[in-house]
């Protein structure tokens, strides 16, 4: 598919550290069919480290929120098992 590499859509840029996080932890999962990063927005919070949180389930999978510095980015994950993805995200963020 066009603009995809390792299940990750590469049409938009990604906030600092997100590409590596998605490649190493999310796209390698058997039950994940695709990862679609959304646009980058400026938030009010500060912090250097990347923080990824599970937001909620969607019709096609799940929505994640990634924060790095003052930048915020939505990430949509296409999967039939959003509960499994939620468990993985919770383990990674502990």
PDB file of N, CA and C in Angstrom:
ATOM      1  N   UNK A   1       0.826  -1.188   0.000  1.00  0.00           N
ATOM      2  CA  UNK A   1       0.000   0.000   0.000  1.00  0.00           C
ATOM      3  C   UNK A   1       0.872   1.253   0.000  1.00  0.00           C
ATOM      4  N   UNK A   2       0.340   2.269  -0.576  1.00  0.00           N
ATOM      5  CA  UNK A   2       1.057   3.529  -0.672  1.00  0.00           C
ATOM      6  C   UNK A   2       1.127   4.197   0.700  1.00  0.00           C
ATOM      7  N   UNK A   3       2.249   4.792   1.018  1.00  0.00           N
ATOM      8  CA  UNK A   3       2.485   5.508   2.269  1.00  0.00           C
ATOM      9  C   UNK A   3       2.501   4.593   3.497  1.00  0.00           C
ATOM     10  N   UNK A   4       2.685   3.299   3.346  1.00  0.00           N
ATOM     11  CA  UNK A   4       2.715   2.408   4.508  1.00  0.00           C
ATOM     12  C   UNK A   4       4.049   1.686   4.583  1.00  0.00           C
ATOM     13  N   UNK A   5       4.525   1.549   5.814  1.00  0.00           N
ATOM     14  CA  UNK A   5       5.738   0.799   6.060  1.00  0.00           C
ATOM     15  C   UNK A   5       5.572   0.146   7.419  1.00  0.00           C
ATOM     16  N   UNK A   6       5.686  -1.160   7.477  1.00  0.00           N
ATOM     17  CA  UNK A   6       5.501  -1.922   8.719  1.00  0.00           C
ATOM     18  C   UNK A   6       4.146  -1.633   9.358  1.00  0.00           C
ATOM     19  N   UNK A   7       3.095  -1.649   8.559  1.00  0.00           N
ATOM     20  CA  UNK A   7       1.713  -1.425   8.994  1.00  0.00           C
ATOM     21  C   UNK A   7       1.422   0.017   9.402  1.00  0.00           C
ATOM     22  N   UNK A   8       2.393   0.910   9.336  1.00  0.00           N
ATOM     23  CA  UNK A   8       2.211   2.289   9.793  1.00  0.00           C
ATOM     24  C   UNK A   8       2.070   3.213   8.584  1.00  0.00           C
ATOM     25  N   UNK A   9       0.994   3.963   8.554  1.00  0.00           N
ATOM     26  CA  UNK A   9       0.776   4.926   7.476  1.00  0.00           C
ATOM     27  C   UNK A   9       1.731   6.094   7.673  1.00  0.00           C
ATOM     28  N   UNK A  10       2.446   6.499   6.622  1.00  0.00           N
ATOM     29  CA  UNK A  10       3.485   7.533   6.720  1.00  0.00           C
ATOM     30  C   UNK A  10       3.116   8.818   5.992  1.00  0.00           C
ATOM     31  N   UNK A  11       1.838   9.140   5.922  1.00  0.00           N
ATOM     32  CA  UNK A  11       1.427  10.339   5.195  1.00  0.00           C
ATOM     33  C   UNK A  11       1.696  11.603   6.003  1.00  0.00           C
ATOM     34  N   UNK A  12       1.565  11.538   7.322  1.00  0.00           N
ATOM     35  CA  UNK A  12       1.823  12.680   8.195  1.00  0.00           C
ATOM     36  C   UNK A  12       3.134  12.473   8.941  1.00  0.00           C
ATOM     37  N   UNK A  13       3.694  13.553   9.455  1.00  0.00           N
ATOM     38  CA  UNK A  13       4.869  13.419  10.307  1.00  0.00           C
ATOM     39  C   UNK A  13       4.418  12.960  11.693  1.00  0.00           C
ATOM     40  N   UNK A  14       5.380  12.595  12.522  1.00  0.00           N
ATOM     41  CA  UNK A  14       5.058  12.102  13.864  1.00  0.00           C
ATOM     42  C   UNK A  14       5.858  12.861  14.905  1.00  0.00           C
ATOM     43  N   UNK A  15       5.310  12.952  16.114  1.00  0.00           N
ATOM     44  CA  UNK A  15       6.013  13.647  17.188  1.00  0.00           C
ATOM     45  C   UNK A  15       7.233  12.838  17.613  1.00  0.00           C
ATOM     46  N   UNK A  16       8.124  13.488  18.319  1.00  0.00           N
ATOM     47  CA  UNK A  16       9.405  12.907  18.716  1.00  0.00           C
ATOM     48  C   UNK A  16       9.208  11.594  19.482  1.00  0.00           C
ATOM     49  N   UNK A  17       9.819  10.525  18.985  1.00  0.00           N
ATOM     50  CA  UNK A  17       9.805   9.226  19.637  1.00  0.00           C
ATOM     51  C   UNK A  17       8.629   8.336  19.273  1.00  0.00           C
ATOM     52  N   UNK A  18       7.606   8.870  18.617  1.00  0.00           N
ATOM     53  CA  UNK A  18       6.408   8.075  18.325  1.00  0.00           C
ATOM     54  C   UNK A  18       6.664   7.002  17.275  1.00  0.00           C
ATOM     55  N   UNK A  19       7.414   7.335  16.236  1.00  0.00           N
ATOM     56  CA  UNK A  19       7.691   6.364  15.168  1.00  0.00           C
ATOM     57  C   UNK A  19       8.365   5.112  15.733  1.00  0.00           C
ATOM     58  N   UNK A  20       9.368   5.311  16.545  1.00  0.00           N
ATOM     59  CA  UNK A  20      10.097   4.180  17.142  1.00  0.00           C
ATOM     60  C   UNK A  20       9.186   3.375  18.061  1.00  0.00           C
ATOM     61  N   UNK A  21       8.369   4.067  18.863  1.00  0.00           N
ATOM     62  CA  UNK A  21       7.441   3.381  19.769  1.00  0.00           C
ATOM     63  C   UNK A  21       6.471   2.501  18.991  1.00  0.00           C
ATOM     64  N   UNK A  22       5.896   3.044  17.921  1.00  0.00           N
ATOM     65  CA  UNK A  22       4.931   2.281  17.125  1.00  0.00           C
ATOM     66  C   UNK A  22       5.588   1.103  16.421  1.00  0.00           C
ATOM     67  N   UNK A  23       6.786   1.304  15.872  1.00  0.00           N
ATOM     68  CA  UNK A  23       7.484   0.215  15.171  1.00  0.00           C
ATOM     69  C   UNK A  23       7.884  -0.908  16.115  1.00  0.00           C
ATOM     70  N   UNK A  24       8.362  -0.563  17.303  1.00  0.00           N
ATOM     71  CA  UNK A  24       8.880  -1.570  18.231  1.00  0.00           C
ATOM     72  C   UNK A  24       7.792  -2.250  19.054  1.00  0.00           C
ATOM     73  N   UNK A  25       6.681  -1.554  19.337  1.00  0.00           N
ATOM     74  CA  UNK A  25       5.709  -2.085  20.287  1.00  0.00           C
ATOM     75  C   UNK A  25       4.325  -2.373  19.729  1.00  0.00           C
ATOM     76  N   UNK A  26       3.879  -1.657  18.719  1.00  0.00           N
ATOM     77  CA  UNK A  26       2.503  -1.797  18.259  1.00  0.00           C
ATOM     78  C   UNK A  26       2.399  -2.531  16.922  1.00  0.00           C
ATOM     79  N   UNK A  27       3.145  -2.099  15.923  1.00  0.00           N
ATOM     80  CA  UNK A  27       3.007  -2.709  14.594  1.00  0.00           C
ATOM     81  C   UNK A  27       3.476  -4.162  14.551  1.00  0.00           C
ATOM     82  N   UNK A  28       4.266  -4.587  15.502  1.00  0.00           N
ATOM     83  CA  UNK A  28       4.758  -5.971  15.522  1.00  0.00           C
ATOM     84  C   UNK A  28       3.725  -6.953  16.084  1.00  0.00           C
ATOM     85  N   UNK A  29       2.654  -6.444  16.676  1.00  0.00           N
ATOM     86  CA  UNK A  29       1.628  -7.312  17.257  1.00  0.00           C
ATOM     87  C   UNK A  29       0.829  -7.996  16.153  1.00  0.00           C
ATOM     88  N   UNK A  30       0.580  -9.302  16.320  1.00  0.00           N
ATOM     89  CA  UNK A  30      -0.131 -10.084  15.304  1.00  0.00           C
ATOM     90  C   UNK A  30      -1.551  -9.589  15.070  1.00  0.00           C
ATOM     91  N   UNK A  31      -2.213  -9.110  16.095  1.00  0.00           N
ATOM     92  CA  UNK A  31      -3.616  -8.717  15.989  1.00  0.00           C
ATOM     93  C   UNK A  31      -3.813  -7.271  15.525  1.00  0.00           C
ATOM     94  N   UNK A  32      -2.725  -6.553  15.237  1.00  0.00           N
ATOM     95  CA  UNK A  32      -2.821  -5.184  14.712  1.00  0.00           C
ATOM     96  C   UNK A  32      -2.704  -5.234  13.193  1.00  0.00           C
ATOM     97  N   UNK A  33      -3.716  -4.663  12.510  1.00  0.00           N
ATOM     98  CA  UNK A  33      -3.732  -4.665  11.049  1.00  0.00           C
ATOM     99  C   UNK A  33      -3.157  -3.384  10.447  1.00  0.00           C
ATOM    100  N   UNK A  34      -3.224  -2.272  11.189  1.00  0.00           N
ATOM    101  CA  UNK A  34      -2.707  -1.020  10.669  1.00  0.00           C
ATOM    102  C   UNK A  34      -2.639   0.041  11.747  1.00  0.00           C
ATOM    103  N   UNK A  35      -1.779   1.045  11.522  1.00  0.00           N
ATOM    104  CA  UNK A  35      -1.604   2.157  12.449  1.00  0.00           C
ATOM    105  C   UNK A  35      -1.663   3.443  11.636  1.00  0.00           C
ATOM    106  N   UNK A  36      -2.535   4.367  12.057  1.00  0.00           N
ATOM    107  CA  UNK A  36      -2.722   5.614  11.316  1.00  0.00           C
ATOM    108  C   UNK A  36      -2.523   6.801  12.257  1.00  0.00           C
ATOM    109  N   UNK A  37      -1.364   7.450  12.205  1.00  0.00           N
ATOM    110  CA  UNK A  37      -1.151   8.648  13.020  1.00  0.00           C
ATOM    111  C   UNK A  37      -1.953   9.824  12.459  1.00  0.00           C
ATOM    112  N   UNK A  38      -2.537  10.613  13.355  1.00  0.00           N
ATOM    113  CA  UNK A  38      -3.294  11.789  12.939  1.00  0.00           C
ATOM    114  C   UNK A  38      -2.410  13.017  12.903  1.00  0.00           C
ATOM    115  N   UNK A  39      -3.042  14.184  12.783  1.00  0.00           N
ATOM    116  CA  UNK A  39      -2.279  15.427  12.726  1.00  0.00           C
ATOM    117  C   UNK A  39      -1.727  15.785  14.103  1.00  0.00           C
ATOM    118  N   UNK A  40      -0.673  16.565  14.105  1.00  0.00           N
ATOM    119  CA  UNK A  40      -0.024  17.001  15.344  1.00  0.00           C
ATOM    120  C   UNK A  40      -0.647  18.319  15.775  1.00  0.00           C
ATOM    121  N   UNK A  41      -0.974  18.404  17.050  1.00  0.00           N
ATOM    122  CA  UNK A  41      -1.533  19.634  17.619  1.00  0.00           C
ATOM    123  C   UNK A  41      -0.656  20.090  18.771  1.00  0.00           C
ATOM    124  N   UNK A  42      -0.744  21.356  19.108  1.00  0.00           N
ATOM    125  CA  UNK A  42       0.025  21.896  20.220  1.00  0.00           C
ATOM    126  C   UNK A  42      -0.843  21.858  21.463  1.00  0.00           C
ATOM    127  N   UNK A  43      -0.314  21.214  22.521  1.00  0.00           N
ATOM    128  CA  UNK A  43      -1.030  21.142  23.781  1.00  0.00           C
ATOM    129  C   UNK A  43      -0.470  22.133  24.772  1.00  0.00           C
ATOM    130  N   UNK A  44      -1.035  22.133  25.960  1.00  0.00           N
ATOM    131  CA  UNK A  44      -0.587  23.079  26.984  1.00  0.00           C
ATOM    132  C   UNK A  44       0.417  22.470  27.957  1.00  0.00           C
ATOM    133  N   UNK A  45       0.443  21.157  28.048  1.00  0.00           N
ATOM    134  CA  UNK A  45       1.340  20.489  28.989  1.00  0.00           C
ATOM    135  C   UNK A  45       2.766  20.476  28.454  1.00  0.00           C
ATOM    136  N   UNK A  46       3.723  20.335  29.354  1.00  0.00           N
ATOM    137  CA  UNK A  46       5.120  20.232  28.954  1.00  0.00           C
ATOM    138  C   UNK A  46       5.683  18.908  29.447  1.00  0.00           C
ATOM    139  N   UNK A  47       6.810  18.526  28.904  1.00  0.00           N
ATOM    140  CA  UNK A  47       7.472  17.279  29.279  1.00  0.00           C
ATOM    141  C   UNK A  47       8.251  16.770  28.091  1.00  0.00           C
ATOM    142  N   UNK A  48       9.400  16.201  28.339  1.00  0.00           N
ATOM    143  CA  UNK A  48      10.264  15.732  27.263  1.00  0.00           C
ATOM    144  C   UNK A  48       9.925  14.319  26.803  1.00  0.00           C
ATOM    145  N   UNK A  49       9.557  13.448  27.723  1.00  0.00           N
ATOM    146  CA  UNK A  49       9.370  12.042  27.399  1.00  0.00           C
ATOM    147  C   UNK A  49       8.069  11.790  26.658  1.00  0.00           C
ATOM    148  N   UNK A  50       8.096  10.791  25.790  1.00  0.00           N
ATOM    149  CA  UNK A  50       6.906  10.370  25.071  1.00  0.00           C
ATOM    150  C   UNK A  50       5.989   9.608  26.019  1.00  0.00           C
ATOM    151  N   UNK A  51       4.711   9.969  26.007  1.00  0.00           N
ATOM    152  CA  UNK A  51       3.700   9.266  26.803  1.00  0.00           C
ATOM    153  C   UNK A  51       2.583   8.868  25.854  1.00  0.00           C
ATOM    154  N   UNK A  52       2.263   7.569  25.813  1.00  0.00           N
ATOM    155  CA  UNK A  52       1.194   7.065  24.953  1.00  0.00           C
ATOM    156  C   UNK A  52       0.128   6.459  25.848  1.00  0.00           C
ATOM    157  N   UNK A  53      -1.134   6.871  25.621  1.00  0.00           N
ATOM    158  CA  UNK A  53      -2.246   6.375  26.429  1.00  0.00           C
ATOM    159  C   UNK A  53      -3.343   5.826  25.530  1.00  0.00           C
ATOM    160  N   UNK A  54      -4.000   4.797  26.003  1.00  0.00           N
ATOM    161  CA  UNK A  54      -5.174   4.254  25.323  1.00  0.00           C
ATOM    162  C   UNK A  54      -6.340   5.161  25.654  1.00  0.00           C
ATOM    163  N   UNK A  55      -7.042   5.665  24.640  1.00  0.00           N
ATOM    164  CA  UNK A  55      -8.155   6.584  24.878  1.00  0.00           C
ATOM    165  C   UNK A  55      -9.484   5.828  24.903  1.00  0.00           C
ATOM    166  N   UNK A  56      -9.861   5.187  23.785  1.00  0.00           N
ATOM    167  CA  UNK A  56     -11.103   4.420  23.739  1.00  0.00           C
ATOM    168  C   UNK A  56     -11.145   3.525  22.507  1.00  0.00           C
ATOM    169  N   UNK A  57     -12.108   2.593  22.504  1.00  0.00           N
ATOM    170  CA  UNK A  57     -12.318   1.704  21.366  1.00  0.00           C
ATOM    171  C   UNK A  57     -13.120   2.431  20.296  1.00  0.00           C
ATOM    172  N   UNK A  58     -12.854   2.093  19.032  1.00  0.00           N
ATOM    173  CA  UNK A  58     -13.598   2.645  17.901  1.00  0.00           C
ATOM    174  C   UNK A  58     -14.209   1.486  17.115  1.00  0.00           C
ATOM    175  N   UNK A  59     -14.961   1.796  16.073  1.00  0.00           N
ATOM    176  CA  UNK A  59     -15.557   0.745  15.252  1.00  0.00           C
ATOM    177  C   UNK A  59     -14.497  -0.120  14.566  1.00  0.00           C
ATOM    178  N   UNK A  60     -13.371   0.481  14.205  1.00  0.00           N
ATOM    179  CA  UNK A  60     -12.336  -0.268  13.503  1.00  0.00           C
ATOM    180  C   UNK A  60     -11.159  -0.669  14.388  1.00  0.00           C
ATOM    181  N   UNK A  61     -11.184  -0.298  15.673  1.00  0.00           N
ATOM    182  CA  UNK A  61     -10.070  -0.657  16.546  1.00  0.00           C
ATOM    183  C   UNK A  61     -10.006   0.185  17.783  1.00  0.00           C
ATOM    184  N   UNK A  62      -8.999   1.098  17.844  1.00  0.00           N
ATOM    185  CA  UNK A  62      -8.799   1.896  19.056  1.00  0.00           C
ATOM    186  C   UNK A  62      -8.138   3.225  18.719  1.00  0.00           C
ATOM    187  N   UNK A  63      -8.317   4.169  19.633  1.00  0.00           N
ATOM    188  CA  UNK A  63      -7.675   5.473  19.506  1.00  0.00           C
ATOM    189  C   UNK A  63      -6.693   5.636  20.655  1.00  0.00           C
ATOM    190  N   UNK A  64      -5.470   6.053  20.318  1.00  0.00           N
ATOM    191  CA  UNK A  64      -4.436   6.328  21.300  1.00  0.00           C
ATOM    192  C   UNK A  64      -4.114   7.816  21.261  1.00  0.00           C
ATOM    193  N   UNK A  65      -3.614   8.352  22.367  1.00  0.00           N
ATOM    194  CA  UNK A  65      -3.142   9.727  22.429  1.00  0.00           C
ATOM    195  C   UNK A  65      -1.665   9.693  22.799  1.00  0.00           C
ATOM    196  N   UNK A  66      -0.836  10.352  21.994  1.00  0.00           N
ATOM    197  CA  UNK A  66       0.605  10.417  22.250  1.00  0.00           C
ATOM    198  C   UNK A  66       0.979  11.863  22.558  1.00  0.00           C
ATOM    199  N   UNK A  67       1.785  12.064  23.598  1.00  0.00           N
ATOM    200  CA  UNK A  67       2.249  13.396  23.986  1.00  0.00           C
ATOM    201  C   UNK A  67       3.772  13.373  24.116  1.00  0.00           C
ATOM    202  N   UNK A  68       4.387  14.417  23.578  1.00  0.00           N
ATOM    203  CA  UNK A  68       5.824  14.586  23.702  1.00  0.00           C
ATOM    204  C   UNK A  68       6.096  16.084  23.682  1.00  0.00           C
ATOM    205  N   UNK A  69       6.681  16.590  24.754  1.00  0.00           N
ATOM    206  CA  UNK A  69       6.865  18.030  24.862  1.00  0.00           C
ATOM    207  C   UNK A  69       5.506  18.689  24.928  1.00  0.00           C
ATOM    208  N   UNK A  70       5.288  19.706  24.116  1.00  0.00           N
ATOM    209  CA  UNK A  70       3.980  20.359  24.084  1.00  0.00           C
ATOM    210  C   UNK A  70       3.143  19.876  22.899  1.00  0.00           C
ATOM    211  N   UNK A  71       3.582  18.819  22.227  1.00  0.00           N
ATOM    212  CA  UNK A  71       2.867  18.290  21.066  1.00  0.00           C
ATOM    213  C   UNK A  71       1.969  17.122  21.457  1.00  0.00           C
ATOM    214  N   UNK A  72       0.801  17.058  20.808  1.00  0.00           N
ATOM    215  CA  UNK A  72      -0.170  15.989  21.042  1.00  0.00           C
ATOM    216  C   UNK A  72      -0.556  15.418  19.686  1.00  0.00           C
ATOM    217  N   UNK A  73      -0.645  14.083  19.608  1.00  0.00           N
ATOM    218  CA  UNK A  73      -1.013  13.439  18.352  1.00  0.00           C
ATOM    219  C   UNK A  73      -1.938  12.260  18.618  1.00  0.00           C
ATOM    220  N   UNK A  74      -3.017  12.185  17.850  1.00  0.00           N
ATOM    221  CA  UNK A  74      -3.912  11.039  17.911  1.00  0.00           C
ATOM    222  C   UNK A  74      -3.324   9.934  17.049  1.00  0.00           C
ATOM    223  N   UNK A  75      -3.516   8.687  17.486  1.00  0.00           N
ATOM    224  CA  UNK A  75      -3.066   7.543  16.702  1.00  0.00           C
ATOM    225  C   UNK A  75      -4.220   6.546  16.674  1.00  0.00           C
ATOM    226  N   UNK A  76      -4.633   6.175  15.471  1.00  0.00           N
ATOM    227  CA  UNK A  76      -5.716   5.203  15.320  1.00  0.00           C
ATOM    228  C   UNK A  76      -5.101   3.855  14.955  1.00  0.00           C
ATOM    229  N   UNK A  77      -5.515   2.821  15.674  1.00  0.00           N
ATOM    230  CA  UNK A  77      -4.990   1.479  15.449  1.00  0.00           C
ATOM    231  C   UNK A  77      -6.128   0.602  14.941  1.00  0.00           C
ATOM    232  N   UNK A  78      -5.916  -0.036  13.795  1.00  0.00           N
ATOM    233  CA  UNK A  78      -6.907  -0.923  13.208  1.00  0.00           C
ATOM    234  C   UNK A  78      -6.654  -2.329  13.749  1.00  0.00           C
ATOM    235  N   UNK A  79      -7.639  -2.840  14.505  1.00  0.00           N
ATOM    236  CA  UNK A  79      -7.527  -4.165  15.107  1.00  0.00           C
ATOM    237  C   UNK A  79      -8.911  -4.690  15.440  1.00  0.00           C
ATOM    238  N   UNK A  80      -9.041  -6.008  15.459  1.00  0.00           N
ATOM    239  CA  UNK A  80     -10.300  -6.618  15.889  1.00  0.00           C
ATOM    240  C   UNK A  80     -10.303  -6.896  17.390  1.00  0.00           C
ATOM    241  N   UNK A  81      -9.166  -6.644  18.041  1.00  0.00           N
ATOM    242  CA  UNK A  81      -9.033  -6.937  19.467  1.00  0.00           C
ATOM    243  C   UNK A  81      -8.536  -5.721  20.241  1.00  0.00           C
ATOM    244  N   UNK A  82      -9.351  -4.681  20.377  1.00  0.00           N
ATOM    245  CA  UNK A  82      -8.903  -3.481  21.092  1.00  0.00           C
ATOM    246  C   UNK A  82      -8.604  -3.735  22.574  1.00  0.00           C
ATOM    247  N   UNK A  83      -9.240  -4.756  23.158  1.00  0.00           N
ATOM    248  CA  UNK A  83      -8.980  -5.073  24.569  1.00  0.00           C
ATOM    249  C   UNK A  83      -7.542  -5.547  24.761  1.00  0.00           C
ATOM    250  N   UNK A  84      -7.055  -6.370  23.830  1.00  0.00           N
ATOM    251  CA  UNK A  84      -5.665  -6.837  23.892  1.00  0.00           C
ATOM    252  C   UNK A  84      -4.695  -5.671  23.756  1.00  0.00           C
ATOM    253  N   UNK A  85      -5.023  -4.746  22.845  1.00  0.00           N
ATOM    254  CA  UNK A  85      -4.180  -3.571  22.641  1.00  0.00           C
ATOM    255  C   UNK A  85      -4.139  -2.723  23.908  1.00  0.00           C
ATOM    256  N   UNK A  86      -5.261  -2.568  24.565  1.00  0.00           N
ATOM    257  CA  UNK A  86      -5.322  -1.799  25.804  1.00  0.00           C
ATOM    258  C   UNK A  86      -4.418  -2.416  26.871  1.00  0.00           C
ATOM    259  N   UNK A  87      -4.433  -3.740  26.979  1.00  0.00           N
ATOM    260  CA  UNK A  87      -3.558  -4.427  27.943  1.00  0.00           C
ATOM    261  C   UNK A  87      -2.093  -4.186  27.620  1.00  0.00           C
ATOM    262  N   UNK A  88      -1.715  -4.242  26.342  1.00  0.00           N
ATOM    263  CA  UNK A  88      -0.331  -4.026  25.928  1.00  0.00           C
ATOM    264  C   UNK A  88       0.101  -2.600  26.268  1.00  0.00           C
ATOM    265  N   UNK A  89      -0.730  -1.614  25.949  1.00  0.00           N
ATOM    266  CA  UNK A  89      -0.406  -0.209  26.228  1.00  0.00           C
ATOM    267  C   UNK A  89      -0.243   0.020  27.724  1.00  0.00           C
ATOM    268  N   UNK A  90      -1.129  -0.565  28.526  1.00  0.00           N
ATOM    269  CA  UNK A  90      -1.048  -0.400  29.982  1.00  0.00           C
ATOM    270  C   UNK A  90       0.236  -1.006  30.548  1.00  0.00           C
ATOM    271  N   UNK A  91       0.653  -2.162  30.008  1.00  0.00           N
ATOM    272  CA  UNK A  91       1.905  -2.784  30.459  1.00  0.00           C
ATOM    273  C   UNK A  91       3.118  -1.927  30.072  1.00  0.00           C
ATOM    274  N   UNK A  92       3.075  -1.355  28.884  1.00  0.00           N
ATOM    275  CA  UNK A  92       4.203  -0.550  28.401  1.00  0.00           C
ATOM    276  C   UNK A  92       4.339   0.772  29.153  1.00  0.00           C
ATOM    277  N   UNK A  93       3.263   1.307  29.661  1.00  0.00           N
ATOM    278  CA  UNK A  93       3.301   2.610  30.311  1.00  0.00           C
ATOM    279  C   UNK A  93       3.506   2.525  31.821  1.00  0.00           C
ATOM    280  N   UNK A  94       3.638   1.350  32.360  1.00  0.00           N
ATOM    281  CA  UNK A  94       3.884   1.203  33.800  1.00  0.00           C
ATOM    282  C   UNK A  94       5.333   1.448  34.125  1.00  0.00           C
TER     283      UNK A  94
END
